[in-house]
PDB file of N, CA and C in Angstrom:
ATOM      1  N   MET A   1      74.437  -2.557 115.669  1.00  0.00           N
ATOM      2  CA  MET A   1      73.622  -3.263 116.677  1.00  0.00           C
ATOM      3  C   MET A   1      74.316  -3.152 117.958  1.00  0.00           C
ATOM      4  N   HIS A   2      74.704  -4.263 118.435  1.00  0.00           N
ATOM      5  CA  HIS A   2      75.337  -4.279 119.844  1.00  0.00           C
ATOM      6  C   HIS A   2      76.899  -4.571 119.827  1.00  0.00           C
ATOM      7  N   ILE A   3      77.456  -4.316 118.687  1.00  0.00           N
ATOM      8  CA  ILE A   3      78.830  -4.660 118.528  1.00  0.00           C
ATOM      9  C   ILE A   3      79.826  -3.367 118.673  1.00  0.00           C
ATOM     10  N   GLU A   4      80.729  -3.613 119.651  1.00  0.00           N
ATOM     11  CA  GLU A   4      81.664  -2.456 119.925  1.00  0.00           C
ATOM     12  C   GLU A   4      82.613  -2.350 118.769  1.00  0.00           C
ATOM     13  N   PRO A   5      82.912  -1.110 118.426  1.00  0.00           N
ATOM     14  CA  PRO A   5      83.955  -0.808 117.335  1.00  0.00           C
ATOM     15  C   PRO A   5      85.275  -1.525 117.735  1.00  0.00           C
ATOM     16  N   GLY A   6      85.892  -2.204 116.708  1.00  0.00           N
ATOM     17  CA  GLY A   6      87.115  -2.855 116.815  1.00  0.00           C
ATOM     18  C   GLY A   6      86.886  -4.328 117.246  1.00  0.00           C
ATOM     19  N   LEU A   7      85.797  -4.732 117.611  1.00  0.00           N
ATOM     20  CA  LEU A   7      85.635  -6.087 118.129  1.00  0.00           C
ATOM     21  C   LEU A   7      85.626  -7.120 117.018  1.00  0.00           C
ATOM     22  N   VAL A   8      85.058  -6.726 115.883  1.00  0.00           N
ATOM     23  CA  VAL A   8      84.983  -7.625 114.682  1.00  0.00           C
ATOM     24  C   VAL A   8      85.987  -7.089 113.707  1.00  0.00           C
ATOM     25  N   ALA A   9      86.782  -7.917 113.081  1.00  0.00           N
ATOM     26  CA  ALA A   9      87.782  -7.527 112.040  1.00  0.00           C
ATOM     27  C   ALA A   9      86.983  -6.905 110.842  1.00  0.00           C
ATOM     28  N   ASP A  10      87.685  -5.980 110.331  1.00  0.00           N
ATOM     29  CA  ASP A  10      87.096  -5.233 109.137  1.00  0.00           C
ATOM     30  C   ASP A  10      86.669  -6.228 107.984  1.00  0.00           C
ATOM     31  N   ASN A  11      87.492  -7.128 107.731  1.00  0.00           N
ATOM     32  CA  ASN A  11      87.151  -8.050 106.684  1.00  0.00           C
ATOM     33  C   ASN A  11      85.974  -9.027 106.882  1.00  0.00           C
ATOM     34  N   LYS A  12      85.704  -9.195 108.212  1.00  0.00           N
ATOM     35  CA  LYS A  12      84.526 -10.015 108.574  1.00  0.00           C
ATOM     36  C   LYS A  12      83.251  -9.176 108.698  1.00  0.00           C
ATOM     37  N   ILE A  13      83.372  -7.891 108.975  1.00  0.00           N
ATOM     38  CA  ILE A  13      82.186  -7.047 109.033  1.00  0.00           C
ATOM     39  C   ILE A  13      81.471  -6.950 107.597  1.00  0.00           C
ATOM     40  N   TRP A  14      82.343  -7.077 106.569  1.00  0.00           N
ATOM     41  CA  TRP A  14      81.749  -7.006 105.265  1.00  0.00           C
ATOM     42  C   TRP A  14      80.701  -8.204 104.998  1.00  0.00           C
ATOM     43  N   LEU A  15      80.887  -9.277 105.692  1.00  0.00           N
ATOM     44  CA  LEU A  15      80.031 -10.441 105.573  1.00  0.00           C
ATOM     45  C   LEU A  15      78.577  -9.942 106.143  1.00  0.00           C
ATOM     46  N   SER A  16      78.665  -9.158 107.082  1.00  0.00           N
ATOM     47  CA  SER A  16      77.272  -8.724 107.719  1.00  0.00           C
ATOM     48  C   SER A  16      76.616  -7.803 106.723  1.00  0.00           C
ATOM     49  N   TYR A  17      77.375  -6.929 106.031  1.00  0.00           N
ATOM     50  CA  TYR A  17      76.753  -6.052 105.059  1.00  0.00           C
ATOM     51  C   TYR A  17      76.186  -6.805 103.845  1.00  0.00           C
ATOM     52  N   VAL A  18      76.878  -7.870 103.374  1.00  0.00           N
ATOM     53  CA  VAL A  18      76.304  -8.697 102.363  1.00  0.00           C
ATOM     54  C   VAL A  18      75.117  -9.456 102.810  1.00  0.00           C
ATOM     55  N   THR A  19      75.110  -9.986 104.000  1.00  0.00           N
ATOM     56  CA  THR A  19      73.989 -10.648 104.552  1.00  0.00           C
ATOM     57  C   THR A  19      72.783  -9.692 104.652  1.00  0.00           C
ATOM     58  N   ALA A  20      73.028  -8.520 105.140  1.00  0.00           N
ATOM     59  CA  ALA A  20      71.984  -7.446 105.256  1.00  0.00           C
ATOM     60  C   ALA A  20      71.332  -7.100 103.878  1.00  0.00           C
ATOM     61  N   ALA A  21      72.202  -6.938 102.883  1.00  0.00           N
ATOM     62  CA  ALA A  21      71.797  -6.648 101.539  1.00  0.00           C
ATOM     63  C   ALA A  21      70.978  -7.835 100.991  1.00  0.00           C
ATOM     64  N   GLY A  22      71.302  -9.002 101.287  1.00  0.00           N
ATOM     65  CA  GLY A  22      70.511 -10.144 100.800  1.00  0.00           C
ATOM     66  C   GLY A  22      69.216 -10.207 101.481  1.00  0.00           C
ATOM     67  N   ALA A  23      69.203  -9.927 102.818  1.00  0.00           N
ATOM     68  CA  ALA A  23      67.946  -9.936 103.531  1.00  0.00           C
ATOM     69  C   ALA A  23      67.008  -8.838 102.969  1.00  0.00           C
ATOM     70  N   CYS A  24      67.579  -7.652 102.697  1.00  0.00           N
ATOM     71  CA  CYS A  24      66.795  -6.526 102.186  1.00  0.00           C
ATOM     72  C   CYS A  24      66.125  -6.938 100.822  1.00  0.00           C
ATOM     73  N   GLY A  25      67.000  -7.488  99.977  1.00  0.00           N
ATOM     74  CA  GLY A  25      66.513  -7.990  98.693  1.00  0.00           C
ATOM     75  C   GLY A  25      65.348  -9.029  98.828  1.00  0.00           C
ATOM     76  N   TYR A  26      65.509  -9.929  99.729  1.00  0.00           N
ATOM     77  CA  TYR A  26      64.510 -10.976  99.876  1.00  0.00           C
ATOM     78  C   TYR A  26      63.234 -10.309 100.499  1.00  0.00           C
ATOM     79  N   THR A  27      63.356  -9.441 101.360  1.00  0.00           N
ATOM     80  CA  THR A  27      62.246  -8.802 101.992  1.00  0.00           C
ATOM     81  C   THR A  27      61.443  -8.027 100.865  1.00  0.00           C
ATOM     82  N   LEU A  28      62.129  -7.280 100.060  1.00  0.00           N
ATOM     83  CA  LEU A  28      61.507  -6.517  98.986  1.00  0.00           C
ATOM     84  C   LEU A  28      60.751  -7.401  97.975  1.00  0.00           C
ATOM     85  N   LYS A  29      61.412  -8.466  97.641  1.00  0.00           N
ATOM     86  CA  LYS A  29      60.745  -9.604  96.814  1.00  0.00           C
ATOM     87  C   LYS A  29      59.486 -10.164  97.431  1.00  0.00           C
ATOM     88  N   SER A  30      59.635 -10.473  98.739  1.00  0.00           N
ATOM     89  CA  SER A  30      58.426 -11.158  99.467  1.00  0.00           C
ATOM     90  C   SER A  30      57.319 -10.064  99.588  1.00  0.00           C
ATOM     91  N   ALA A  31      57.694  -8.812  99.841  1.00  0.00           N
ATOM     92  CA  ALA A  31      56.672  -7.765  99.920  1.00  0.00           C
ATOM     93  C   ALA A  31      55.957  -7.569  98.626  1.00  0.00           C
ATOM     94  N   TYR A  32      56.664  -7.617  97.588  1.00  0.00           N
ATOM     95  CA  TYR A  32      55.996  -7.460  96.242  1.00  0.00           C
ATOM     96  C   TYR A  32      55.059  -8.558  95.948  1.00  0.00           C
ATOM     97  N   GLN A  33      55.496  -9.815  96.175  1.00  0.00           N
ATOM     98  CA  GLN A  33      54.728 -11.091  96.072  1.00  0.00           C
ATOM     99  C   GLN A  33      53.490 -10.988  96.980  1.00  0.00           C
ATOM    100  N   ALA A  34      53.655 -10.632  98.163  1.00  0.00           N
ATOM    101  CA  ALA A  34      52.572 -10.663  99.203  1.00  0.00           C
ATOM    102  C   ALA A  34      51.538  -9.560  98.786  1.00  0.00           C
ATOM    103  N   ALA A  35      51.990  -8.379  98.281  1.00  0.00           N
ATOM    104  CA  ALA A  35      50.956  -7.308  97.899  1.00  0.00           C
ATOM    105  C   ALA A  35      50.309  -7.731  96.645  1.00  0.00           C
ATOM    106  N   ARG A  36      50.901  -8.506  95.788  1.00  0.00           N
ATOM    107  CA  ARG A  36      50.117  -9.084  94.555  1.00  0.00           C
ATOM    108  C   ARG A  36      49.183 -10.146  94.991  1.00  0.00           C
ATOM    109  N   GLN A  37      49.581 -11.021  95.903  1.00  0.00           N
ATOM    110  CA  GLN A  37      48.645 -12.106  96.296  1.00  0.00           C
ATOM    111  C   GLN A  37      47.553 -11.699  97.186  1.00  0.00           C
ATOM    112  N   ARG A  38      47.906 -10.943  98.270  1.00  0.00           N
ATOM    113  CA  ARG A  38      46.942 -10.636  99.347  1.00  0.00           C
ATOM    114  C   ARG A  38      46.383  -9.186  99.250  1.00  0.00           C
ATOM    115  N   GLY A  39      47.058  -8.349  98.502  1.00  0.00           N
ATOM    116  CA  GLY A  39      46.657  -6.943  98.388  1.00  0.00           C
ATOM    117  C   GLY A  39      47.584  -6.081  99.240  1.00  0.00           C
ATOM    118  N   LEU A  40      47.790  -4.919  98.841  1.00  0.00           N
ATOM    119  CA  LEU A  40      48.627  -3.968  99.419  1.00  0.00           C
ATOM    120  C   LEU A  40      48.154  -3.623 100.947  1.00  0.00           C
ATOM    121  N   ASP A  41      46.888  -3.468 101.128  1.00  0.00           N
ATOM    122  CA  ASP A  41      46.321  -3.104 102.368  1.00  0.00           C
ATOM    123  C   ASP A  41      46.685  -4.159 103.417  1.00  0.00           C
ATOM    124  N   SER A  42      46.603  -5.388 103.019  1.00  0.00           N
ATOM    125  CA  SER A  42      46.828  -6.546 104.024  1.00  0.00           C
ATOM    126  C   SER A  42      48.291  -6.461 104.341  1.00  0.00           C
ATOM    127  N   THR A  43      49.212  -6.321 103.367  1.00  0.00           N
ATOM    128  CA  THR A  43      50.581  -6.289 103.667  1.00  0.00           C
ATOM    129  C   THR A  43      50.977  -5.111 104.505  1.00  0.00           C
ATOM    130  N   LEU A  44      50.455  -4.007 104.261  1.00  0.00           N
ATOM    131  CA  LEU A  44      50.784  -2.812 104.989  1.00  0.00           C
ATOM    132  C   LEU A  44      50.221  -2.859 106.460  1.00  0.00           C
ATOM    133  N   THR A  45      49.003  -3.551 106.566  1.00  0.00           N
ATOM    134  CA  THR A  45      48.449  -3.721 107.976  1.00  0.00           C
ATOM    135  C   THR A  45      49.239  -4.637 108.779  1.00  0.00           C
ATOM    136  N   ARG A  46      49.597  -5.760 108.147  1.00  0.00           N
ATOM    137  CA  ARG A  46      50.406  -6.747 108.917  1.00  0.00           C
ATOM    138  C   ARG A  46      51.887  -6.141 109.245  1.00  0.00           C
ATOM    139  N   SER A  47      52.402  -5.407 108.352  1.00  0.00           N
ATOM    140  CA  SER A  47      53.746  -4.776 108.599  1.00  0.00           C
ATOM    141  C   SER A  47      53.542  -3.776 109.730  1.00  0.00           C
ATOM    142  N   ALA A  48      52.421  -2.933 109.873  1.00  0.00           N
ATOM    143  CA  ALA A  48      52.283  -1.963 110.856  1.00  0.00           C
ATOM    144  C   ALA A  48      52.051  -2.763 112.265  1.00  0.00           C
ATOM    145  N   VAL A  49      51.356  -3.873 112.261  1.00  0.00           N
ATOM    146  CA  VAL A  49      51.314  -4.690 113.501  1.00  0.00           C
ATOM    147  C   VAL A  49      52.519  -5.139 114.040  1.00  0.00           C
ATOM    148  N   VAL A  50      53.370  -5.755 113.015  1.00  0.00           N
ATOM    149  CA  VAL A  50      54.683  -6.316 113.333  1.00  0.00           C
ATOM    150  C   VAL A  50      55.607  -5.175 113.847  1.00  0.00           C
ATOM    151  N   THR A  51      55.543  -3.951 113.259  1.00  0.00           N
ATOM    152  CA  THR A  51      56.347  -2.845 113.752  1.00  0.00           C
ATOM    153  C   THR A  51      55.942  -2.467 115.227  1.00  0.00           C
ATOM    154  N   GLY A  52      54.680  -2.434 115.535  1.00  0.00           N
ATOM    155  CA  GLY A  52      54.292  -2.129 116.902  1.00  0.00           C
ATOM    156  C   GLY A  52      54.814  -3.275 117.873  1.00  0.00           C
ATOM    157  N   LEU A  53      54.689  -4.529 117.447  1.00  0.00           N
ATOM    158  CA  LEU A  53      55.119  -5.633 118.289  1.00  0.00           C
ATOM    159  C   LEU A  53      56.670  -5.555 118.454  1.00  0.00           C
ATOM    160  N   VAL A  54      57.341  -5.311 117.424  1.00  0.00           N
ATOM    161  CA  VAL A  54      58.875  -5.214 117.575  1.00  0.00           C
ATOM    162  C   VAL A  54      59.298  -4.091 118.491  1.00  0.00           C
ATOM    163  N   LEU A  55      58.597  -2.983 118.422  1.00  0.00           N
ATOM    164  CA  LEU A  55      58.896  -1.928 119.333  1.00  0.00           C
ATOM    165  C   LEU A  55      58.456  -2.285 120.826  1.00  0.00           C
ATOM    166  N   SER A  56      57.385  -3.093 120.963  1.00  0.00           N
ATOM    167  CA  SER A  56      57.111  -3.563 122.297  1.00  0.00           C
ATOM    168  C   SER A  56      58.032  -4.521 122.881  1.00  0.00           C
ATOM    169  N   PHE A  57      58.343  -5.579 121.953  1.00  0.00           N
ATOM    170  CA  PHE A  57      59.251  -6.628 122.325  1.00  0.00           C
ATOM    171  C   PHE A  57      60.660  -6.014 122.812  1.00  0.00           C
ATOM    172  N   PHE A  58      61.218  -5.340 121.963  1.00  0.00           N
ATOM    173  CA  PHE A  58      62.619  -4.975 122.122  1.00  0.00           C
ATOM    174  C   PHE A  58      62.850  -3.644 122.923  1.00  0.00           C
ATOM    175  N   GLU A  59      61.870  -2.817 123.124  1.00  0.00           N
ATOM    176  CA  GLU A  59      62.070  -1.557 123.782  1.00  0.00           C
ATOM    177  C   GLU A  59      61.216  -1.362 125.038  1.00  0.00           C
ATOM    178  N   VAL A  60      60.099  -1.753 125.076  1.00  0.00           N
ATOM    179  CA  VAL A  60      59.159  -1.538 126.148  1.00  0.00           C
ATOM    180  C   VAL A  60      59.059  -2.543 127.227  1.00  0.00           C
ATOM    181  N   LEU A  61      59.064  -3.896 126.765  1.00  0.00           N
ATOM    182  CA  LEU A  61      59.102  -4.955 127.777  1.00  0.00           C
ATOM    183  C   LEU A  61      60.469  -4.936 128.514  1.00  0.00           C
ATOM    184  N   PRO A  62      60.377  -5.413 129.714  1.00  0.00           N
ATOM    185  CA  PRO A  62      61.657  -5.501 130.584  1.00  0.00           C
ATOM    186  C   PRO A  62      62.642  -6.461 129.935  1.00  0.00           C
ATOM    187  N   HIS A  63      63.875  -6.155 130.044  1.00  0.00           N
ATOM    188  CA  HIS A  63      64.992  -6.946 129.475  1.00  0.00           C
ATOM    189  C   HIS A  63      65.703  -7.633 130.615  1.00  0.00           C
ATOM    190  N   TYR A  64      65.855  -8.920 130.438  1.00  0.00           N
ATOM    191  CA  TYR A  64      66.650  -9.726 131.481  1.00  0.00           C
ATOM    192  C   TYR A  64      67.928 -10.193 130.774  1.00  0.00           C
ATOM    193  N   PRO A  65      68.978 -10.313 131.559  1.00  0.00           N
ATOM    194  CA  PRO A  65      70.258 -10.689 130.793  1.00  0.00           C
ATOM    195  C   PRO A  65      70.299 -12.191 130.473  1.00  0.00           C
ATOM    196  N   VAL A  66      69.521 -12.515 129.465  1.00  0.00           N
ATOM    197  CA  VAL A  66      69.549 -13.860 128.929  1.00  0.00           C
ATOM    198  C   VAL A  66      70.345 -13.966 127.686  1.00  0.00           C
ATOM    199  N   GLY A  67      70.750 -12.947 127.217  1.00  0.00           N
ATOM    200  CA  GLY A  67      71.572 -12.933 125.954  1.00  0.00           C
ATOM    201  C   GLY A  67      70.827 -12.321 124.793  1.00  0.00           C
ATOM    202  N   VAL A  68      71.461 -11.589 124.019  1.00  0.00           N
ATOM    203  CA  VAL A  68      70.819 -10.886 122.934  1.00  0.00           C
ATOM    204  C   VAL A  68      70.311 -11.892 121.936  1.00  0.00           C
ATOM    205  N   SER A  69      71.043 -12.891 121.619  1.00  0.00           N
ATOM    206  CA  SER A  69      70.772 -13.805 120.531  1.00  0.00           C
ATOM    207  C   SER A  69      69.446 -14.551 120.759  1.00  0.00           C
ATOM    208  N   GLU A  70      69.275 -14.960 122.062  1.00  0.00           N
ATOM    209  CA  GLU A  70      68.045 -15.769 122.359  1.00  0.00           C
ATOM    210  C   GLU A  70      66.854 -14.950 122.159  1.00  0.00           C
ATOM    211  N   VAL A  71      66.859 -13.694 122.707  1.00  0.00           N
ATOM    212  CA  VAL A  71      65.718 -12.821 122.705  1.00  0.00           C
ATOM    213  C   VAL A  71      65.341 -12.465 121.204  1.00  0.00           C
ATOM    214  N   HIS A  72      66.285 -12.065 120.426  1.00  0.00           N
ATOM    215  CA  HIS A  72      66.066 -11.847 118.996  1.00  0.00           C
ATOM    216  C   HIS A  72      65.551 -13.023 118.183  1.00  0.00           C
ATOM    217  N   LEU A  73      66.150 -14.208 118.480  1.00  0.00           N
ATOM    218  CA  LEU A  73      65.748 -15.332 117.818  1.00  0.00           C
ATOM    219  C   LEU A  73      64.273 -15.784 118.102  1.00  0.00           C
ATOM    220  N   ILE A  74      63.930 -15.693 119.394  1.00  0.00           N
ATOM    221  CA  ILE A  74      62.575 -16.187 119.782  1.00  0.00           C
ATOM    222  C   ILE A  74      61.550 -15.151 119.313  1.00  0.00           C
ATOM    223  N   PHE A  75      61.698 -13.890 119.600  1.00  0.00           N
ATOM    224  CA  PHE A  75      60.669 -12.834 119.062  1.00  0.00           C
ATOM    225  C   PHE A  75      60.735 -12.730 117.560  1.00  0.00           C
ATOM    226  N   GLY A  76      61.837 -12.735 117.004  1.00  0.00           N
ATOM    227  CA  GLY A  76      61.928 -12.565 115.525  1.00  0.00           C
ATOM    228  C   GLY A  76      61.354 -13.755 114.741  1.00  0.00           C
ATOM    229  N   SER A  77      61.722 -14.898 115.142  1.00  0.00           N
ATOM    230  CA  SER A  77      61.079 -16.141 114.523  1.00  0.00           C
ATOM    231  C   SER A  77      59.584 -16.210 114.763  1.00  0.00           C
ATOM    232  N   THR A  78      59.188 -15.858 115.967  1.00  0.00           N
ATOM    233  CA  THR A  78      57.590 -15.812 116.115  1.00  0.00           C
ATOM    234  C   THR A  78      56.955 -14.899 115.240  1.00  0.00           C
ATOM    235  N   LEU A  79      57.472 -13.674 115.025  1.00  0.00           N
ATOM    236  CA  LEU A  79      56.876 -12.775 114.176  1.00  0.00           C
ATOM    237  C   LEU A  79      56.859 -13.242 112.704  1.00  0.00           C
ATOM    238  N   PHE A  80      58.001 -13.875 112.354  1.00  0.00           N
ATOM    239  CA  PHE A  80      58.154 -14.481 111.015  1.00  0.00           C
ATOM    240  C   PHE A  80      57.082 -15.547 110.718  1.00  0.00           C
ATOM    241  N   LEU A  81      56.936 -16.403 111.803  1.00  0.00           N
ATOM    242  CA  LEU A  81      56.048 -17.573 111.592  1.00  0.00           C
ATOM    243  C   LEU A  81      54.511 -17.069 111.580  1.00  0.00           C
ATOM    244  N   VAL A  82      54.224 -16.098 112.344  1.00  0.00           N
ATOM    245  CA  VAL A  82      52.858 -15.695 112.565  1.00  0.00           C
ATOM    246  C   VAL A  82      52.398 -14.761 111.385  1.00  0.00           C
ATOM    247  N   PHE A  83      53.246 -13.793 110.983  1.00  0.00           N
ATOM    248  CA  PHE A  83      52.958 -12.738 110.042  1.00  0.00           C
ATOM    249  C   PHE A  83      53.576 -13.010 108.622  1.00  0.00           C
ATOM    250  N   GLY A  84      54.518 -13.725 108.495  1.00  0.00           N
ATOM    251  CA  GLY A  84      55.181 -13.922 107.210  1.00  0.00           C
ATOM    252  C   GLY A  84      56.470 -13.232 107.068  1.00  0.00           C
ATOM    253  N   ALA A  85      57.185 -13.499 105.880  1.00  0.00           N
ATOM    254  CA  ALA A  85      58.545 -12.971 105.756  1.00  0.00           C
ATOM    255  C   ALA A  85      58.477 -11.367 105.472  1.00  0.00           C
ATOM    256  N   ALA A  86      57.588 -11.001 104.528  1.00  0.00           N
ATOM    257  CA  ALA A  86      57.551  -9.611 104.227  1.00  0.00           C
ATOM    258  C   ALA A  86      57.167  -8.668 105.442  1.00  0.00           C
ATOM    259  N   PRO A  87      56.059  -8.842 106.139  1.00  0.00           N
ATOM    260  CA  PRO A  87      55.784  -7.999 107.268  1.00  0.00           C
ATOM    261  C   PRO A  87      56.837  -8.023 108.328  1.00  0.00           C
ATOM    262  N   ALA A  88      57.396  -9.251 108.613  1.00  0.00           N
ATOM    263  CA  ALA A  88      58.433  -9.356 109.735  1.00  0.00           C
ATOM    264  C   ALA A  88      59.634  -8.609 109.240  1.00  0.00           C
ATOM    265  N   GLY A  89      60.029  -8.738 108.003  1.00  0.00           N
ATOM    266  CA  GLY A  89      61.257  -7.998 107.521  1.00  0.00           C
ATOM    267  C   GLY A  89      61.080  -6.532 107.572  1.00  0.00           C
ATOM    268  N   ILE A  90      59.926  -6.045 107.144  1.00  0.00           N
ATOM    269  CA  ILE A  90      59.555  -4.641 107.070  1.00  0.00           C
ATOM    270  C   ILE A  90      59.493  -4.076 108.444  1.00  0.00           C
ATOM    271  N   GLY A  91      58.814  -4.656 109.423  1.00  0.00           N
ATOM    272  CA  GLY A  91      58.759  -4.260 110.719  1.00  0.00           C
ATOM    273  C   GLY A  91      60.099  -4.198 111.365  1.00  0.00           C
ATOM    274  N   LEU A  92      60.812  -5.286 111.261  1.00  0.00           N
ATOM    275  CA  LEU A  92      62.217  -5.304 111.944  1.00  0.00           C
ATOM    276  C   LEU A  92      63.112  -4.176 111.345  1.00  0.00           C
ATOM    277  N   ALA A  93      63.119  -4.046 110.004  1.00  0.00           N
ATOM    278  CA  ALA A  93      63.984  -3.093 109.429  1.00  0.00           C
ATOM    279  C   ALA A  93      63.454  -1.624 109.756  1.00  0.00           C
ATOM    280  N   PHE A  94      62.267  -1.389 109.840  1.00  0.00           N
ATOM    281  CA  PHE A  94      61.788  -0.050 110.171  1.00  0.00           C
ATOM    282  C   PHE A  94      62.133   0.351 111.558  1.00  0.00           C
ATOM    283  N   ILE A  95      61.842  -0.554 112.500  1.00  0.00           N
ATOM    284  CA  ILE A  95      62.208  -0.228 113.903  1.00  0.00           C
ATOM    285  C   ILE A  95      63.744  -0.152 114.130  1.00  0.00           C
ATOM    286  N   GLY A  96      64.482  -1.099 113.446  1.00  0.00           N
ATOM    287  CA  GLY A  96      65.858  -1.016 113.527  1.00  0.00           C
ATOM    288  C   GLY A  96      66.493   0.276 113.099  1.00  0.00           C
ATOM    289  N   THR A  97      66.012   0.770 111.915  1.00  0.00           N
ATOM    290  CA  THR A  97      66.465   2.005 111.447  1.00  0.00           C
ATOM    291  C   THR A  97      66.024   3.214 112.234  1.00  0.00           C
ATOM    292  N   CYS A  98      64.810   3.189 112.721  1.00  0.00           N
ATOM    293  CA  CYS A  98      64.232   4.264 113.688  1.00  0.00           C
ATOM    294  C   CYS A  98      65.159   4.358 114.951  1.00  0.00           C
ATOM    295  N   LEU A  99      65.348   3.227 115.582  1.00  0.00           N
ATOM    296  CA  LEU A  99      66.156   3.143 116.746  1.00  0.00           C
ATOM    297  C   LEU A  99      67.615   3.548 116.625  1.00  0.00           C
ATOM    298  N   GLY A 100      68.113   3.171 115.468  1.00  0.00           N
ATOM    299  CA  GLY A 100      69.554   3.569 115.247  1.00  0.00           C
ATOM    300  C   GLY A 100      69.610   5.129 115.096  1.00  0.00           C
ATOM    301  N   VAL A 101      68.633   5.751 114.477  1.00  0.00           N
ATOM    302  CA  VAL A 101      68.643   7.259 114.411  1.00  0.00           C
ATOM    303  C   VAL A 101      68.344   7.743 115.757  1.00  0.00           C
ATOM    304  N   LEU A 102      67.354   7.259 116.417  1.00  0.00           N
ATOM    305  CA  LEU A 102      67.031   7.906 117.714  1.00  0.00           C
ATOM    306  C   LEU A 102      68.073   7.675 118.785  1.00  0.00           C
ATOM    307  N   ARG A 103      68.645   6.518 118.808  1.00  0.00           N
ATOM    308  CA  ARG A 103      69.763   6.337 119.735  1.00  0.00           C
ATOM    309  C   ARG A 103      70.923   7.226 119.487  1.00  0.00           C
ATOM    310  N   SER A 104      71.222   7.478 118.211  1.00  0.00           N
ATOM    311  CA  SER A 104      72.284   8.350 117.950  1.00  0.00           C
ATOM    312  C   SER A 104      72.014   9.868 118.498  1.00  0.00           C
ATOM    313  N   GLN A 105      70.780  10.139 118.574  1.00  0.00           N
ATOM    314  CA  GLN A 105      70.415  11.529 119.052  1.00  0.00           C
ATOM    315  C   GLN A 105      69.996  11.584 120.451  1.00  0.00           C
ATOM    316  N   ARG A 106      70.162  10.427 121.183  1.00  0.00           N
ATOM    317  CA  ARG A 106      69.841  10.292 122.607  1.00  0.00           C
ATOM    318  C   ARG A 106      68.303  10.708 122.926  1.00  0.00           C
ATOM    319  N   VAL A 107      67.417  10.441 121.982  1.00  0.00           N
ATOM    320  CA  VAL A 107      66.003  10.732 122.119  1.00  0.00           C
ATOM    321  C   VAL A 107      65.377   9.349 122.532  1.00  0.00           C
ATOM    322  N   HIS A 108      66.072   8.286 122.230  1.00  0.00           N
ATOM    323  CA  HIS A 108      65.394   6.986 122.433  1.00  0.00           C
ATOM    324  C   HIS A 108      64.919   6.693 123.880  1.00  0.00           C
ATOM    325  N   HIS A 109      65.641   7.183 124.891  1.00  0.00           N
ATOM    326  CA  HIS A 109      65.163   7.043 126.256  1.00  0.00           C
ATOM    327  C   HIS A 109      63.892   7.788 126.618  1.00  0.00           C
ATOM    328  N   LEU A 110      63.805   8.957 126.017  1.00  0.00           N
ATOM    329  CA  LEU A 110      62.581   9.755 126.260  1.00  0.00           C
ATOM    330  C   LEU A 110      61.367   9.105 125.496  1.00  0.00           C
ATOM    331  N   LEU A 111      61.580   8.633 124.341  1.00  0.00           N
ATOM    332  CA  LEU A 111      60.497   7.925 123.618  1.00  0.00           C
ATOM    333  C   LEU A 111      60.111   6.703 124.325  1.00  0.00           C
ATOM    334  N   ARG A 112      61.059   5.963 124.811  1.00  0.00           N
ATOM    335  CA  ARG A 112      60.767   4.639 125.526  1.00  0.00           C
ATOM    336  C   ARG A 112      59.989   4.939 126.747  1.00  0.00           C
ATOM    337  N   ASP A 113      60.316   5.946 127.594  1.00  0.00           N
ATOM    338  CA  ASP A 113      59.641   6.279 128.765  1.00  0.00           C
ATOM    339  C   ASP A 113      58.343   6.841 128.507  1.00  0.00           C
ATOM    340  N   TRP A 114      58.158   7.538 127.391  1.00  0.00           N
ATOM    341  CA  TRP A 114      56.884   8.099 127.080  1.00  0.00           C
ATOM    342  C   TRP A 114      55.882   6.972 126.673  1.00  0.00           C
ATOM    343  N   ILE A 115      56.336   6.017 125.917  1.00  0.00           N
ATOM    344  CA  ILE A 115      55.528   4.939 125.403  1.00  0.00           C
ATOM    345  C   ILE A 115      55.180   3.974 126.603  1.00  0.00           C
ATOM    346  N   ALA A 116      56.128   3.773 127.452  1.00  0.00           N
ATOM    347  CA  ALA A 116      55.840   2.913 128.639  1.00  0.00           C
ATOM    348  C   ALA A 116      54.881   3.609 129.541  1.00  0.00           C
ATOM    349  N   GLY A 117      54.938   4.931 129.715  1.00  0.00           N
ATOM    350  CA  GLY A 117      53.995   5.623 130.549  1.00  0.00           C
ATOM    351  C   GLY A 117      52.586   5.642 129.936  1.00  0.00           C
ATOM    352  N   ALA A 118      52.531   5.758 128.629  1.00  0.00           N
ATOM    353  CA  ALA A 118      51.263   5.748 127.888  1.00  0.00           C
ATOM    354  C   ALA A 118      50.539   4.427 128.014  1.00  0.00           C
ATOM    355  N   ILE A 119      51.341   3.312 127.900  1.00  0.00           N
ATOM    356  CA  ILE A 119      50.772   1.929 128.069  1.00  0.00           C
ATOM    357  C   ILE A 119      50.354   1.783 129.505  1.00  0.00           C
ATOM    358  N   ARG A 120      51.088   2.243 130.453  1.00  0.00           N
ATOM    359  CA  ARG A 120      50.765   1.996 131.905  1.00  0.00           C
ATOM    360  C   ARG A 120      49.317   2.863 132.138  1.00  0.00           C
ATOM    361  N   ASN A 121      49.262   4.017 131.610  1.00  0.00           N
ATOM    362  CA  ASN A 121      48.089   4.849 131.773  1.00  0.00           C
ATOM    363  C   ASN A 121      46.836   4.138 131.130  1.00  0.00           C
ATOM    364  N   LEU A 122      47.042   3.503 129.961  1.00  0.00           N
ATOM    365  CA  LEU A 122      45.941   2.784 129.262  1.00  0.00           C
ATOM    366  C   LEU A 122      45.486   1.566 130.171  1.00  0.00           C
ATOM    367  N   LEU A 123      46.496   0.902 130.682  1.00  0.00           N
ATOM    368  CA  LEU A 123      46.151  -0.307 131.535  1.00  0.00           C
ATOM    369  C   LEU A 123      45.524   0.016 132.883  1.00  0.00           C
ATOM    370  N   GLN A 124      45.863   1.127 133.405  1.00  0.00           N
ATOM    371  CA  GLN A 124      45.330   1.518 134.721  1.00  0.00           C
ATOM    372  C   GLN A 124      43.907   2.162 134.632  1.00  0.00           C
ATOM    373  N   GLY A 125      43.610   2.629 133.538  1.00  0.00           N
ATOM    374  CA  GLY A 125      42.216   3.193 133.449  1.00  0.00           C
ATOM    375  C   GLY A 125      41.980   3.987 132.279  1.00  0.00           C
TER     376      GLY A 125
END
C-alpha cells in the first residue's frame, strides 16, 4: 500500500497479513451467501459497479492531502454500506490487485490519464 520498506517492523507486518487473510476469507463467505440469496448475477453486477466506483474514487478523482486513512475510511465504508460486504470486498480487492500490478510496471499513469481523458470527453459531448 503506502508503507515504505523498513518503516514497520517485520514482526508487526505479519499482523497485516493475518488481517488480510481474514478479510479475504470473510469476503469469500459473504460472496457465497450473497450469491445463494440474491443470485450470482446480482452479486457480480454489484461487484462490477463497486469496482468502477473504487477506480473512480481512488484514481480518477482529484486527491487532496487530507490523509490516506480518512479517504479510504469514508469511501470504503460508503461502498460497504450501500452495496454490502461481498461486492465491496471484491471491488476493493480487484482494484487493489490490479493497481499493484500496474504500478509495478509504470503503466498506471497512462491508464489513469486515458480514463480521465475518456471521462472528460464523455462529459463534454
